[in-house]
Amino acid sequence: MKFEDIFIYCILSIVSVFAGLVGIVTKDKLKPYKDIKGKFLTFVKGMLGSMFVAYLVFEIASYLDFGLKLSVAFGGFAAYMGTDALLKIEQLVEKLVNRKIDKM
């Protein structure tokens, strides 16, 4: 692994952590929890999920040759959206599949 690759992944990690943090705070995901343990666990799960989604989107954008800066930007946006966007996409695909099955 080259130094450039390590640098790119460090930048992606920093961007995804900040974007995930902003996403968690602005969407009030920590509000329902009264105790600090529940808030901490929700925060950690949210951050890890956001970072994973950011990495996946970054790799897909890199594979499609969008360029380094745009790929990192896509990864950061995906981290902000977090797993919420993936759940919406999953629901959409599920509805489409159910419609096709019902028509058969």
Protein backbone atom coordinates (compact mmCIF):
# COMPACT_ATOMS: atom_id res chain seq x y z
CA MET A 1 0.00 0.00 0.00
CA LYS A 2 1.40 3.36 -1.02
CA PHE A 3 1.66 6.42 1.20
CA GLU A 4 -0.83 8.20 -1.07
CA ASP A 5 -3.44 5.50 -0.45
CA ILE A 6 -2.95 5.74 3.31
CA PHE A 7 -3.30 9.53 3.11
CA ILE A 8 -6.51 9.23 1.07
CA TYR A 9 -8.06 6.81 3.57
CA CYS A 10 -7.07 9.08 6.48
CA ILE A 11 -8.76 12.04 4.78
CA LEU A 12 -11.83 9.89 4.07
CA SER A 13 -11.91 8.82 7.74
CA ILE A 14 -11.76 12.40 8.96
CA VAL A 15 -14.46 13.54 6.51
CA SER A 16 -16.72 10.61 7.34
CA VAL A 17 -16.36 11.11 11.12
CA PHE A 18 -17.32 14.78 10.88
CA ALA A 19 -20.14 14.12 8.43
CA GLY A 20 -21.44 11.26 10.56
CA LEU A 21 -21.28 13.44 13.67
CA VAL A 22 -23.22 16.22 11.95
CA GLY A 23 -25.76 13.69 10.68
CA ILE A 24 -26.31 12.18 14.12
CA VAL A 25 -26.63 15.56 15.85
CA THR A 26 -28.88 17.22 13.26
CA LYS A 27 -31.22 14.25 13.05
CA ASP A 28 -31.64 14.10 16.85
CA LYS A 29 -30.83 10.41 17.03
CA LEU A 30 -29.49 10.74 20.57
CA LYS A 31 -32.53 12.55 21.96
CA PRO A 32 -34.67 9.49 22.92
CA TYR A 33 -31.98 8.18 25.28
CA LYS A 34 -31.89 9.54 28.82
CA ASP A 35 -28.79 7.68 30.06
CA ILE A 36 -25.25 8.29 28.85
CA LYS A 37 -24.68 4.62 28.00
CA GLY A 38 -27.56 4.54 25.52
CA LYS A 39 -26.40 7.78 23.92
CA PHE A 40 -22.83 6.53 23.68
CA LEU A 41 -23.79 3.19 22.12
CA THR A 42 -26.11 4.89 19.64
CA PHE A 43 -23.36 7.36 18.79
CA VAL A 44 -20.76 4.63 18.22
CA LYS A 45 -23.13 2.52 16.10
CA GLY A 46 -24.12 5.56 14.07
CA MET A 47 -20.53 6.60 13.49
CA LEU A 48 -19.40 3.12 12.48
CA GLY A 49 -22.37 2.77 10.13
CA SER A 50 -21.70 6.17 8.61
CA MET A 51 -18.02 5.41 8.13
CA PHE A 52 -18.81 2.07 6.49
CA VAL A 53 -21.28 3.67 4.11
CA ALA A 54 -18.77 6.44 3.33
CA TYR A 55 -16.10 3.86 2.50
CA LEU A 56 -18.43 1.89 0.24
CA VAL A 57 -19.55 4.98 -1.66
CA PHE A 58 -15.97 6.20 -1.93
CA GLU A 59 -14.81 2.89 -3.40
CA ILE A 60 -17.73 2.80 -5.86
CA ALA A 61 -17.08 6.39 -6.94
CA SER A 62 -13.35 5.64 -7.30
CA TYR A 63 -14.11 2.56 -9.37
CA LEU A 64 -16.38 4.60 -11.63
CA ASP A 65 -13.45 7.04 -12.02
CA PHE A 66 -15.09 10.19 -10.63
CA GLY A 67 -11.73 11.49 -9.44
CA LEU A 68 -10.27 11.56 -5.97
CA LYS A 69 -11.80 14.79 -4.67
CA LEU A 70 -15.28 14.01 -5.92
CA SER A 71 -15.08 10.46 -4.57
CA VAL A 72 -14.18 11.78 -1.10
CA ALA A 73 -17.04 14.29 -1.37
CA PHE A 74 -19.48 11.51 -2.27
CA GLY A 75 -18.16 9.50 0.68
CA GLY A 76 -18.66 12.44 3.04
CA PHE A 77 -22.19 13.00 1.80
CA ALA A 78 -22.94 9.31 2.24
CA ALA A 79 -21.59 9.49 5.79
CA TYR A 80 -23.91 12.41 6.49
CA MET A 81 -26.86 10.50 5.09
CA GLY A 82 -25.69 7.43 6.99
CA THR A 83 -27.68 4.27 6.97
CA ASP A 84 -30.96 6.18 6.64
CA ALA A 85 -30.44 6.48 2.90
CA LEU A 86 -29.63 2.78 2.61
CA LEU A 87 -32.79 1.88 4.50
CA LYS A 88 -34.86 4.05 2.15
CA ILE A 89 -33.26 2.40 -0.87
CA GLU A 90 -33.89 -1.02 0.65
CA GLN A 91 -37.57 -0.17 1.19
CA LEU A 92 -37.87 1.10 -2.39
CA VAL A 93 -36.31 -2.05 -3.85
CA GLU A 94 -38.53 -4.20 -1.62
CA LYS A 95 -41.65 -2.39 -2.87
CA LEU A 96 -40.56 -2.81 -6.49
CA VAL A 97 -39.90 -6.52 -6.01
CA ASN A 98 -43.23 -7.02 -4.23
CA ARG A 99 -45.07 -5.26 -7.09
CA LYS A 100 -43.41 -7.53 -9.65
CA ILE A 101 -44.29 -10.60 -7.58
CA ASP A 102 -47.90 -9.47 -7.15
CA LYS A 103 -48.27 -8.99 -10.91
CA MET A 104 -47.22 -12.60 -11.58
